[in-house]
N, C-alpha and C. Protein backbone atom coordinates (compact mmCIF):
# COMPACT_ATOMS: atom_id res chain seq x y z
N MET A 1 108.35 98.16 53.06
CA MET A 1 107.66 98.68 54.61
C MET A 1 108.31 98.95 55.60
N LYS A 2 108.50 100.43 56.11
CA LYS A 2 109.60 101.20 57.07
C LYS A 2 109.42 100.90 57.26
N ARG A 3 110.05 100.67 58.43
CA ARG A 3 110.26 100.45 60.05
C ARG A 3 110.09 101.15 61.13
N ALA A 4 108.95 101.80 62.00
CA ALA A 4 108.89 102.71 62.93
C ALA A 4 110.59 102.27 63.82
N CYS A 5 110.41 103.98 63.87
CA CYS A 5 111.35 104.17 64.70
C CYS A 5 111.31 104.44 65.91
N LEU A 6 112.23 103.22 67.04
CA LEU A 6 111.84 103.62 68.62
C LEU A 6 113.31 104.28 69.53
N LEU A 7 112.76 104.85 70.23
CA LEU A 7 113.54 105.82 71.26
C LEU A 7 113.21 105.22 72.63
N LEU A 8 114.44 104.49 73.22
CA LEU A 8 114.61 104.31 74.36
C LEU A 8 114.88 104.85 75.95
N ALA A 9 114.14 105.38 76.94
CA ALA A 9 115.13 106.45 77.84
C ALA A 9 114.69 104.96 78.86
N GLU A 10 116.04 104.42 79.15
CA GLU A 10 115.84 103.67 80.65
C GLU A 10 117.54 103.47 80.43
N ASP A 11 117.91 104.22 82.03
CA ASP A 11 119.02 104.60 82.22
C ASP A 11 119.35 103.13 83.11
N HIS A 12 118.65 101.62 82.93
CA HIS A 12 119.63 100.16 83.06
C HIS A 12 120.22 99.71 82.46
N GLU A 13 121.99 99.88 82.32
CA GLU A 13 122.17 99.29 81.07
C GLU A 13 121.28 98.67 80.85
N MET A 14 121.42 97.48 81.06
CA MET A 14 120.83 96.32 80.90
C MET A 14 119.45 95.49 80.54
N VAL A 15 118.51 96.38 81.25
CA VAL A 15 117.84 96.81 80.87
C VAL A 15 117.48 96.66 79.48
N ALA A 16 117.76 98.51 78.72
CA ALA A 16 117.73 99.01 77.55
C ALA A 16 118.40 97.95 76.44
N GLN A 17 118.89 97.25 77.31
CA GLN A 17 120.10 96.79 75.70
C GLN A 17 118.98 95.36 75.30
N GLY A 18 118.51 94.61 76.84
CA GLY A 18 117.66 93.54 76.73
C GLY A 18 116.31 94.34 75.75
N PHE A 19 115.92 95.12 75.84
CA PHE A 19 114.42 95.34 74.94
C PHE A 19 114.66 95.38 73.33
N GLU A 20 116.43 96.22 73.01
CA GLU A 20 117.21 96.42 71.85
C GLU A 20 116.84 95.37 70.85
N THR A 21 118.38 94.02 71.89
CA THR A 21 117.75 92.98 70.82
C THR A 21 116.48 92.14 70.95
N MET A 22 115.24 92.64 71.98
CA MET A 22 114.03 91.59 71.54
C MET A 22 113.28 92.59 70.70
N LEU A 23 113.59 93.85 70.88
CA LEU A 23 113.32 94.97 69.67
C LEU A 23 113.08 95.64 68.45
N SER A 24 114.86 95.09 68.30
CA SER A 24 115.47 95.93 67.17
C SER A 24 114.86 94.61 65.26
N PRO A 25 115.16 93.51 65.56
CA PRO A 25 113.90 92.81 64.79
C PRO A 25 113.04 93.15 63.90
N GLN A 26 112.22 93.88 65.09
CA GLN A 26 111.36 94.41 64.80
C GLN A 26 111.06 95.67 63.73
N TYR A 27 112.05 96.36 65.07
CA TYR A 27 111.26 97.88 65.03
C TYR A 27 113.40 98.46 64.76
N GLU A 28 113.52 99.88 64.13
CA GLU A 28 114.47 100.88 63.67
C GLU A 28 114.54 101.03 65.62
N ILE A 29 115.78 100.85 66.05
CA ILE A 29 116.26 101.62 67.59
C ILE A 29 117.45 102.62 67.51
N VAL A 30 116.89 104.12 67.29
CA VAL A 30 117.08 105.07 66.82
C VAL A 30 118.57 105.81 68.00
N GLY A 31 118.53 105.23 69.10
CA GLY A 31 119.19 104.82 70.12
C GLY A 31 118.75 104.89 71.55
N ILE A 32 119.19 105.20 72.92
CA ILE A 32 119.24 105.26 73.87
C ILE A 32 119.79 105.49 74.65
N VAL A 33 118.59 106.31 75.40
CA VAL A 33 119.19 107.83 75.97
C VAL A 33 119.16 106.77 78.09
N ALA A 34 119.89 107.29 79.05
CA ALA A 34 120.09 107.55 80.36
C ALA A 34 119.81 107.83 81.32
N ASP A 35 119.29 109.07 80.74
CA ASP A 35 119.34 110.42 81.42
C ASP A 35 118.31 111.36 80.85
N GLY A 36 117.72 111.29 81.70
CA GLY A 36 115.95 112.28 82.00
C GLY A 36 115.92 113.46 81.47
N ALA A 37 117.28 113.84 81.27
CA ALA A 37 117.03 115.04 81.34
C ALA A 37 118.05 115.98 79.78
N GLN A 38 118.41 114.82 79.15
CA GLN A 38 118.55 114.41 77.65
C GLN A 38 117.56 113.22 76.98
N ILE A 39 116.15 114.02 77.39
CA ILE A 39 115.87 112.95 76.57
C ILE A 39 114.93 113.55 74.98
N ILE A 40 114.83 115.15 76.18
CA ILE A 40 114.08 115.83 75.05
C ILE A 40 115.08 116.30 73.58
N ALA A 41 116.60 116.32 74.21
CA ALA A 41 116.79 116.49 72.86
C ALA A 41 117.74 115.83 71.59
N SER A 42 117.18 114.07 72.93
CA SER A 42 117.08 112.66 71.87
C SER A 42 115.81 113.04 70.54
N VAL A 43 114.58 112.89 71.66
CA VAL A 43 113.48 113.11 71.20
C VAL A 43 113.74 114.06 69.77
N GLU A 44 114.66 115.53 70.00
CA GLU A 44 114.38 116.46 68.88
C GLU A 44 115.62 115.80 67.89
N GLN A 45 116.58 114.90 68.41
CA GLN A 45 117.69 114.60 67.25
C GLN A 45 117.12 113.61 65.96
N HIS A 46 116.46 113.30 66.68
CA HIS A 46 115.28 111.09 66.24
C HIS A 46 114.77 111.84 65.37
N ARG A 47 113.25 112.10 65.97
CA ARG A 47 112.30 112.05 65.94
C ARG A 47 111.58 110.61 65.83
N PRO A 48 111.46 110.07 66.81
CA PRO A 48 110.83 108.75 66.82
C PRO A 48 109.63 109.22 66.56
N ASP A 49 109.16 107.24 66.01
CA ASP A 49 107.35 107.42 66.08
C ASP A 49 106.67 107.32 67.45
N LEU A 50 107.62 106.22 68.10
CA LEU A 50 107.68 106.10 69.64
C LEU A 50 108.42 106.31 70.52
N LEU A 51 108.53 106.71 71.48
CA LEU A 51 109.22 107.48 73.10
C LEU A 51 108.71 106.34 73.88
N LEU A 52 110.24 104.94 74.27
CA LEU A 52 109.55 103.98 75.86
C LEU A 52 109.90 104.29 76.53
N LEU A 53 109.41 104.52 77.27
CA LEU A 53 109.83 105.45 78.39
C LEU A 53 109.85 105.66 80.09
N ASP A 54 111.04 105.10 81.05
CA ASP A 54 111.10 105.00 82.33
C ASP A 54 110.79 106.31 82.97
N LEU A 55 109.04 105.87 83.79
CA LEU A 55 109.23 106.82 85.28
C LEU A 55 110.32 107.11 85.83
N THR A 56 111.27 106.28 85.94
CA THR A 56 112.24 106.56 87.60
C THR A 56 113.41 106.77 86.51
N MET A 57 114.66 108.30 86.53
CA MET A 57 115.54 108.77 85.45
C MET A 57 116.27 109.30 86.44
N PRO A 58 117.37 109.54 86.11
CA PRO A 58 118.18 111.08 86.68
C PRO A 58 118.07 112.29 86.37
N ASN A 59 117.95 113.27 87.45
CA ASN A 59 118.36 114.07 86.92
C ASN A 59 117.02 114.47 86.40
N ARG A 60 116.28 113.59 85.92
CA ARG A 60 114.66 114.44 85.80
C ARG A 60 114.34 113.07 85.30
N SER A 61 112.57 113.21 86.37
CA SER A 61 111.81 112.27 85.85
C SER A 61 110.78 111.38 84.50
N GLY A 62 109.88 110.70 84.53
CA GLY A 62 109.55 110.40 83.56
C GLY A 62 108.64 111.57 83.72
N LEU A 63 107.43 111.71 84.64
CA LEU A 63 106.46 112.32 84.56
C LEU A 63 106.54 114.07 84.08
N GLU A 64 108.50 114.67 84.46
CA GLU A 64 108.28 116.01 84.15
C GLU A 64 108.85 115.29 82.14
N VAL A 65 109.13 114.57 81.99
CA VAL A 65 109.36 114.86 80.35
C VAL A 65 108.25 114.85 80.02
N LEU A 66 106.90 114.08 80.34
CA LEU A 66 106.36 114.04 79.41
C LEU A 66 105.59 115.44 79.31
N ALA A 67 105.54 115.92 80.92
CA ALA A 67 104.56 117.51 80.75
C ALA A 67 105.53 118.21 79.70
N ASP A 68 106.23 118.27 79.64
CA ASP A 68 107.92 119.31 78.19
C ASP A 68 107.35 118.19 76.89
N LEU A 69 106.71 117.16 76.53
CA LEU A 69 106.98 116.21 75.78
C LEU A 69 105.08 116.87 74.75
N ARG A 70 104.87 116.91 75.77
CA ARG A 70 103.13 117.40 75.67
C ARG A 70 103.10 118.84 74.52
N SER A 71 104.31 120.09 75.26
CA SER A 71 104.25 121.28 74.74
C SER A 71 104.40 121.16 73.77
N VAL A 72 106.33 120.74 73.30
CA VAL A 72 107.66 120.74 72.44
C VAL A 72 106.77 119.39 71.48
N TYR A 73 106.83 118.41 71.53
CA TYR A 73 106.41 117.46 70.42
C TYR A 73 105.23 116.69 70.89
N PRO A 74 103.82 116.90 70.53
CA PRO A 74 103.00 116.37 71.02
C PRO A 74 102.58 115.12 70.15
N GLY A 75 102.50 114.86 68.90
CA GLY A 75 102.88 113.89 67.72
C GLY A 75 103.86 112.70 68.26
N VAL A 76 104.84 113.24 69.08
CA VAL A 76 105.56 111.89 69.65
C VAL A 76 104.85 110.41 70.47
N ARG A 77 104.90 109.60 70.06
CA ARG A 77 103.17 109.01 70.77
C ARG A 77 104.54 107.93 72.15
N VAL A 78 104.14 107.95 73.51
CA VAL A 78 104.52 107.76 74.79
C VAL A 78 104.38 105.47 75.43
N LEU A 79 104.57 105.41 74.84
CA LEU A 79 104.39 104.03 75.86
C LEU A 79 105.21 104.03 77.20
N VAL A 80 104.55 104.35 78.05
CA VAL A 80 105.68 104.35 79.40
C VAL A 80 105.73 102.77 80.02
N VAL A 81 107.66 102.63 80.32
CA VAL A 81 107.60 100.95 80.85
C VAL A 81 108.59 101.33 81.92
N THR A 82 108.01 100.49 82.79
CA THR A 82 108.43 101.56 84.64
C THR A 82 107.95 99.94 85.27
N MET A 83 108.64 100.04 86.07
CA MET A 83 109.11 99.10 87.78
C MET A 83 107.39 99.40 88.31
N HIS A 84 106.78 100.59 87.78
CA HIS A 84 105.64 100.62 89.30
C HIS A 84 104.35 100.93 87.94
N ALA A 85 104.26 99.69 88.55
CA ALA A 85 102.35 98.62 88.10
C ALA A 85 101.81 99.60 88.70
N ASP A 86 101.41 100.72 88.82
CA ASP A 86 100.62 101.42 90.11
C ASP A 86 99.77 102.56 88.87
N HIS A 87 98.30 102.22 89.97
CA HIS A 87 97.32 102.51 89.02
C HIS A 87 97.13 104.41 89.08
N VAL A 88 97.68 104.37 90.83
CA VAL A 88 97.94 106.29 90.66
C VAL A 88 99.12 106.48 89.66
N MET A 89 100.32 105.94 89.57
CA MET A 89 101.38 106.49 88.62
C MET A 89 100.28 106.66 87.28
N MET A 90 99.57 105.16 86.45
CA MET A 90 98.87 105.77 85.49
C MET A 90 97.99 106.35 85.06
N GLU A 91 97.98 106.57 85.93
CA GLU A 91 96.89 107.81 85.76
C GLU A 91 97.77 108.67 85.73
N ALA A 92 98.00 109.48 86.06
CA ALA A 92 99.33 110.83 85.80
C ALA A 92 99.89 110.41 84.75
N ALA A 93 100.29 109.64 84.33
CA ALA A 93 101.62 108.94 83.32
C ALA A 93 100.34 109.77 81.61
N MET A 94 98.82 108.59 82.22
CA MET A 94 97.66 109.24 81.07
C MET A 94 97.70 110.54 80.77
N ALA A 95 97.53 111.47 82.12
CA ALA A 95 97.07 113.31 82.57
C ALA A 95 97.88 113.21 81.30
N LEU A 96 99.00 113.68 81.43
CA LEU A 96 100.64 113.93 80.93
C LEU A 96 100.80 113.77 79.77
N GLY A 97 99.50 112.70 79.49
CA GLY A 97 100.50 112.92 77.39
C GLY A 97 100.73 111.77 77.16
N ALA A 98 101.13 110.83 77.84
CA ALA A 98 100.97 108.96 77.26
C ALA A 98 100.60 108.25 76.76
N ALA A 99 100.78 107.42 76.00
CA ALA A 99 99.29 106.51 75.24
C ALA A 99 99.06 105.27 75.91
N GLY A 100 100.58 104.93 75.98
CA GLY A 100 100.32 103.57 76.95
C GLY A 100 100.92 103.03 78.77
N PHE A 101 100.00 102.08 79.17
CA PHE A 101 101.13 102.52 80.56
C PHE A 101 101.35 100.74 80.66
N ILE A 102 102.76 100.31 80.89
CA ILE A 102 103.16 98.94 81.04
C ILE A 102 104.38 98.09 82.05
N PRO A 103 103.49 97.10 82.87
CA PRO A 103 105.21 97.08 83.84
C PRO A 103 106.09 96.54 83.00
N LYS A 104 107.74 97.06 83.39
CA LYS A 104 108.07 96.12 83.08
C LYS A 104 108.67 95.32 83.01
N ASP A 105 107.84 93.90 84.58
CA ASP A 105 108.24 92.65 84.01
C ASP A 105 107.26 91.95 82.99
N ALA A 106 106.10 92.87 82.07
CA ALA A 106 105.17 92.27 81.35
C ALA A 106 106.15 92.17 80.27
N ASN A 107 105.28 90.43 79.53
CA ASN A 107 106.31 89.68 78.44
C ASN A 107 106.69 89.63 77.62
N SER A 108 107.00 90.11 77.13
CA SER A 108 107.63 90.06 75.58
C SER A 108 106.98 90.44 74.83
N GLU A 109 105.34 89.17 74.53
CA GLU A 109 104.40 89.82 73.42
C GLU A 109 103.25 90.73 73.37
N GLU A 110 103.38 90.95 75.06
CA GLU A 110 102.29 92.06 75.36
C GLU A 110 103.22 93.28 75.05
N LEU A 111 104.65 93.69 75.43
CA LEU A 111 105.08 94.95 74.83
C LEU A 111 104.70 94.72 73.73
N ARG A 112 105.53 94.47 72.73
CA ARG A 112 105.01 94.04 71.39
C ARG A 112 102.98 94.84 71.13
N THR A 113 102.69 93.94 72.16
CA THR A 113 101.11 94.51 71.95
C THR A 113 100.68 95.57 71.64
N ALA A 114 101.25 95.77 73.12
CA ALA A 114 101.31 97.50 73.49
C ALA A 114 101.37 98.93 72.82
N ILE A 115 103.36 98.40 72.14
CA ILE A 115 104.05 99.36 71.27
C ILE A 115 102.53 99.38 70.24
N GLU A 116 102.47 97.86 69.52
CA GLU A 116 102.25 98.24 67.23
C GLU A 116 99.96 99.19 67.74
N GLU A 117 99.38 98.79 69.28
CA GLU A 117 98.33 99.77 69.86
C GLU A 117 98.55 101.12 70.02
N VAL A 118 99.80 101.25 70.60
CA VAL A 118 99.68 103.24 70.46
C VAL A 118 100.44 103.85 69.15
N LEU A 119 101.29 103.08 68.92
CA LEU A 119 101.54 103.40 66.89
C LEU A 119 100.51 103.38 66.39
N ALA A 120 99.51 102.53 66.15
CA ALA A 120 98.05 103.12 65.91
C ALA A 120 97.15 103.85 66.03
N GLY A 121 97.54 104.61 67.53
CA GLY A 121 96.85 105.75 67.79
C GLY A 121 96.17 105.29 68.28
N ARG A 122 96.39 104.34 69.19
CA ARG A 122 94.87 103.95 70.46
C ARG A 122 95.82 103.45 71.62
N ARG A 123 95.75 104.09 72.73
CA ARG A 123 95.87 104.20 73.55
C ARG A 123 95.94 102.98 74.26
N TYR A 124 97.16 102.29 75.60
CA TYR A 124 96.78 100.75 76.27
C TYR A 124 97.30 100.83 77.45
N VAL A 125 96.63 100.24 78.53
CA VAL A 125 96.71 100.00 79.38
C VAL A 125 97.45 98.54 80.36
N SER A 126 98.21 98.42 80.64
CA SER A 126 98.80 96.69 80.72
C SER A 126 97.82 96.00 82.26
N PRO A 127 97.15 95.22 81.47
CA PRO A 127 95.49 94.52 82.09
C PRO A 127 96.15 94.20 83.46
N ARG A 128 97.77 94.04 84.06
CA ARG A 128 98.25 93.62 85.17
C ARG A 128 98.09 95.22 86.50
N VAL A 129 97.88 96.57 85.34
CA VAL A 129 97.78 97.57 86.59
C VAL A 129 96.68 97.73 87.29
N PRO A 130 96.93 97.50 88.78
CA PRO A 130 95.32 97.13 89.14
C PRO A 130 93.93 98.37 88.57
N LYS A 131 93.51 97.77 88.49
CA LYS A 131 92.16 98.77 88.66
C LYS A 131 92.15 100.12 89.03
N HIS A 132 91.98 100.25 90.87
CA HIS A 132 92.00 100.92 91.17
C HIS A 132 93.27 101.82 92.13
N GLY A 133 93.42 102.41 92.66
CA GLY A 133 94.67 103.35 93.39
C GLY A 133 94.78 103.02 95.00
N HIS A 134 95.41 103.23 95.43
CA HIS A 134 95.48 103.64 96.90
C HIS A 134 95.66 104.48 97.47
N ARG A 135 94.75 104.85 97.66
CA ARG A 135 94.36 106.73 97.67
C ARG A 135 95.23 107.12 99.63
N GLY A 136 94.60 106.80 100.13
CA GLY A 136 94.99 106.57 102.04
C GLY A 136 94.69 109.07 101.42
N GLY A 137 93.85 108.69 101.25
CA GLY A 137 93.00 110.56 100.97
C GLY A 137 93.00 111.11 102.59
N SER A 138 93.07 110.86 103.74
CA SER A 138 93.24 111.33 104.86
C SER A 138 94.08 112.02 105.30
N ALA A 139 94.90 110.04 104.90
CA ALA A 139 96.73 110.62 105.80
C ALA A 139 96.87 110.90 104.60
N VAL A 140 96.29 111.34 103.54
CA VAL A 140 97.55 112.48 102.58
C VAL A 140 97.79 113.42 102.51
N ARG A 141 96.23 114.23 103.07
CA ARG A 141 95.92 115.53 103.93
C ARG A 141 96.50 115.44 104.80
N ILE A 142 96.13 115.02 106.53
CA ILE A 142 97.07 114.95 106.99
C ILE A 142 98.80 115.30 106.84
N GLY A 143 99.40 114.99 105.86
CA GLY A 143 100.70 115.23 105.67
C GLY A 143 100.79 116.29 104.90
N PHE A 144 100.00 116.94 103.97
CA PHE A 144 99.70 117.56 103.32
C PHE A 144 99.95 119.06 104.62
N LEU A 145 99.77 118.84 105.62
CA LEU A 145 98.67 120.10 106.25
C LEU A 145 99.58 120.28 107.23
N ARG A 146 101.08 119.24 107.04
CA ARG A 146 102.60 119.31 108.31
C ARG A 146 103.82 120.57 107.26
N LEU A 147 102.77 120.81 106.21
CA LEU A 147 103.74 121.59 105.59
C LEU A 147 103.47 122.93 105.13
N THR A 148 104.62 123.80 104.88
CA THR A 148 103.91 124.92 104.67
C THR A 148 103.13 125.78 103.70
N GLN A 149 102.96 126.56 103.68
CA GLN A 149 101.67 127.29 101.85
C GLN A 149 102.87 127.06 101.10
N ARG A 150 103.72 127.45 101.17
CA ARG A 150 104.40 127.59 99.89
C ARG A 150 104.93 126.18 99.65
N GLN A 151 105.07 125.20 100.51
CA GLN A 151 105.43 124.28 99.72
C GLN A 151 104.49 123.41 99.55
N GLN A 152 103.52 123.18 99.99
CA GLN A 152 101.57 123.02 99.57
C GLN A 152 101.81 122.86 97.87
N GLU A 153 102.15 125.32 98.04
CA GLU A 153 101.98 124.63 96.17
C GLU A 153 103.04 124.46 95.51
N LEU A 154 104.20 124.17 95.98
CA LEU A 154 104.76 123.37 95.32
C LEU A 154 104.97 122.18 95.18
N VAL A 155 103.81 121.82 96.35
CA VAL A 155 103.67 119.85 95.42
C VAL A 155 102.62 120.07 94.56
N ARG A 156 101.95 121.04 95.22
CA ARG A 156 100.61 121.42 92.74
C ARG A 156 101.30 121.22 92.02
N MET A 157 102.11 121.63 91.89
CA MET A 157 103.07 122.50 91.14
C MET A 157 103.31 120.68 90.72
N ILE A 158 104.79 120.33 91.35
CA ILE A 158 105.18 119.33 90.79
C ILE A 158 103.86 118.52 90.38
N GLY A 159 103.06 117.99 91.70
CA GLY A 159 101.58 116.76 90.72
C GLY A 159 100.85 117.22 89.39
N ARG A 160 101.33 118.85 89.32
CA ARG A 160 100.76 118.90 87.54
C ARG A 160 102.16 118.97 87.10
N GLY A 161 102.54 118.24 86.67
CA GLY A 161 104.11 117.33 86.20
C GLY A 161 105.70 119.10 85.84
N MET A 162 104.94 119.91 87.13
CA MET A 162 105.69 121.19 87.06
C MET A 162 108.13 120.27 86.56
N THR A 163 108.57 121.29 86.04
CA THR A 163 109.78 120.68 87.07
C THR A 163 110.72 121.92 87.48
N SER A 164 111.51 121.72 88.32
CA SER A 164 111.96 122.65 89.19
C SER A 164 112.40 124.01 88.22
N ALA A 165 112.67 124.10 87.35
CA ALA A 165 112.96 125.86 85.74
C ALA A 165 111.33 125.85 86.26
N GLN A 166 110.59 125.36 86.16
CA GLN A 166 109.32 126.39 86.06
C GLN A 166 108.71 126.60 87.03
N MET A 167 109.04 125.52 87.83
CA MET A 167 108.37 126.03 89.20
C MET A 167 109.60 127.60 89.68
N ALA A 168 110.00 127.59 89.47
CA ALA A 168 111.64 128.87 90.07
C ALA A 168 110.57 129.70 88.90
N ASP A 169 110.26 129.18 88.05
CA ASP A 169 110.09 130.12 86.74
C ASP A 169 108.65 131.05 87.33
N ALA A 170 108.04 129.99 88.37
CA ALA A 170 106.18 130.31 88.53
C ALA A 170 106.26 131.70 89.44
N THR A 171 107.32 130.89 90.33
CA THR A 171 106.78 131.59 91.69
C THR A 171 108.39 133.11 92.67
N GLY A 172 108.80 132.86 91.32
CA GLY A 172 110.04 134.01 91.44
C GLY A 172 111.43 133.40 92.14
N LEU A 173 111.14 132.10 92.30
CA LEU A 173 111.93 131.58 93.21
C LEU A 173 112.87 131.55 92.84
N SER A 174 114.26 131.30 93.03
CA SER A 174 115.83 129.99 92.52
C SER A 174 115.99 129.05 91.85
N HIS A 175 116.26 128.59 91.50
CA HIS A 175 116.40 127.22 91.95
C HIS A 175 117.19 126.69 92.92
N TRP A 176 118.91 127.00 92.82
CA TRP A 176 118.24 126.36 94.38
C TRP A 176 117.40 126.56 95.76
N THR A 177 116.70 127.66 95.32
CA THR A 177 115.75 127.71 96.58
C THR A 177 114.59 126.68 96.47
N ILE A 178 114.35 126.27 95.25
CA ILE A 178 113.28 124.98 94.73
C ILE A 178 113.96 124.22 95.40
N ASP A 179 115.11 123.44 95.25
CA ASP A 179 115.28 121.85 95.65
C ASP A 179 115.41 122.45 97.02
N PHE A 180 116.19 123.61 97.91
CA PHE A 180 116.10 123.52 98.85
C PHE A 180 114.62 123.16 99.39
N HIS A 181 113.09 123.16 99.36
CA HIS A 181 111.82 123.16 99.49
C HIS A 181 111.74 121.57 98.93
N ARG A 182 112.13 121.47 98.45
CA ARG A 182 112.12 120.13 97.72
C ARG A 182 112.37 119.18 98.70
N LYS A 183 113.57 118.89 99.41
CA LYS A 183 114.37 119.04 100.71
C LYS A 183 114.16 118.04 101.47
N ASN A 184 113.08 119.62 101.76
CA ASN A 184 112.99 119.85 102.88
C ASN A 184 111.26 119.02 102.60
N ILE A 185 110.67 119.35 101.92
CA ILE A 185 109.03 118.16 101.72
C ILE A 185 109.22 116.35 102.14
N ARG A 186 110.81 116.32 101.32
CA ARG A 186 110.89 114.77 101.34
C ARG A 186 111.33 114.56 102.84
N ARG A 187 111.64 115.86 103.50
CA ARG A 187 112.28 114.98 105.17
C ARG A 187 111.31 115.24 106.24
N VAL A 188 110.31 115.79 105.92
CA VAL A 188 108.82 116.42 106.72
C VAL A 188 107.95 114.90 106.45
N LEU A 189 108.34 114.18 105.00
CA LEU A 189 106.85 113.29 104.54
C LEU A 189 107.21 112.09 104.81
N GLY A 190 108.88 111.96 105.14
CA GLY A 190 109.55 110.69 105.44
C GLY A 190 109.47 110.15 103.43
N ILE A 191 110.39 110.94 102.58
CA ILE A 191 109.91 110.60 101.37
C ILE A 191 111.72 110.07 100.82
N GLN A 192 111.43 108.68 100.26
CA GLN A 192 112.83 108.99 100.43
C GLN A 192 113.10 108.76 98.61
N SER A 193 112.33 109.00 97.98
CA SER A 193 113.22 108.85 96.72
C SER A 193 112.23 110.33 95.69
N ASP A 194 112.48 110.38 93.70
CA ASP A 194 112.15 111.34 93.35
C ASP A 194 110.66 110.99 92.87
N SER A 195 110.65 109.47 92.69
CA SER A 195 109.66 108.28 92.16
C SER A 195 108.28 109.40 93.18
N GLU A 196 109.00 108.63 94.79
CA GLU A 196 107.53 109.00 96.05
C GLU A 196 107.69 109.95 95.92
N MET A 197 107.83 111.32 95.32
CA MET A 197 107.72 112.65 95.74
C MET A 197 106.19 112.98 94.84
N HIS A 198 106.61 112.27 93.33
CA HIS A 198 106.07 112.52 92.03
C HIS A 198 104.84 112.47 92.29
N ARG A 199 104.86 110.35 93.11
CA ARG A 199 103.68 109.56 93.05
C ARG A 199 102.15 110.29 94.46
N TYR A 200 103.50 111.01 95.85
CA TYR A 200 102.51 111.84 96.88
C TYR A 200 101.96 113.05 96.05
N ALA A 201 102.72 113.49 95.16
CA ALA A 201 101.79 115.21 94.84
C ALA A 201 100.98 114.60 94.28
N VAL A 202 100.75 113.14 93.14
CA VAL A 202 99.60 112.96 92.01
C VAL A 202 98.24 112.17 92.93
N LEU A 203 99.00 112.60 94.05
CA LEU A 203 97.82 111.91 95.65
C LEU A 203 97.10 112.85 95.88
N VAL A 204 97.73 113.92 96.13
CA VAL A 204 97.56 115.28 96.48
C VAL A 204 96.25 116.05 95.49
N ALA A 205 96.91 116.03 94.38
CA ALA A 205 95.94 116.50 93.44
C ALA A 205 94.78 115.63 93.52
N LEU A 206 95.00 114.03 93.13
CA LEU A 206 93.64 113.66 92.84
C LEU A 206 92.84 113.94 93.95
N CYS A 207 93.26 114.07 95.17
CA CYS A 207 92.11 114.12 96.85
C CYS A 207 91.45 115.36 96.54
N GLU A 208 92.20 116.17 96.12
CA GLU A 208 91.60 117.35 95.80
C GLU A 208 91.29 117.67 95.03
N GLU A 209 91.02 117.00 94.29
CA GLU A 209 90.14 116.82 91.99
C GLU A 209 89.14 116.04 92.86
N GLU A 210 88.76 114.83 94.54
CA GLU A 210 86.88 115.06 94.53
C GLU A 210 86.82 115.28 96.11
N ALA A 211 87.87 116.06 96.68
CA ALA A 211 87.00 117.16 97.53
C ALA A 211 86.10 118.40 96.53
N SER A 212 86.62 118.56 95.64
CA SER A 212 86.56 119.39 95.11
C SER A 212 84.73 118.90 94.15
N SER A 213 84.77 117.71 93.80
CA SER A 213 83.88 117.57 92.96
C SER A 213 82.50 117.32 93.91
N THR A 214 83.75 117.15 95.67
CA THR A 214 82.77 116.31 96.70
C THR A 214 81.98 117.80 97.01
N SER A 215 81.92 118.34 97.22
CA SER A 215 81.72 119.82 97.43
C SER A 215 80.69 120.92 95.77
N THR A 216 80.97 120.58 95.23
CA THR A 216 79.92 121.06 94.38
C THR A 216 78.30 120.54 93.93
């Protein structure tokens, strides 16, 4: 019986090696990718049955990768394995096409269960992920209103999983200008990392969705 092929997207070498050691007796590990910008090419090269994807990757976040995978390789199942046991990030990942979401500190039995569920075409969300996220609606909106109109537009695009290149194409701005705006958004909001930026952008999208549904 042919073993399922797994591709690991993980930038911490020791964690990646741990996953490989744990899973290789049962699955074929076709590759390990440590750079977010190389994940799509690795999927194209190996055509795995399942991608184990960390959300915090250098050069491209896992959410950006998910948005691209959904359009170019929709048949590849994705299980997010992340240090962020966060309801908001889970909602964002699943909305962008992930089939499963599990924290890195889950035990090996739960990881295998999640893999089998996703490979079988079902969805899996770890019970360790909180049932409800802390959205802090008013605080999110106050911070959002401190941004310029252009910055608000870019935050909405980030919340939809768009990459800097896609935002540049959509707005007609240069990649340099997009990166400049992203740095300024982080400075204004006091955000330290790309993963925090993505979480904030998702929160903005959720708050606006709630506001829209309340007004209708």
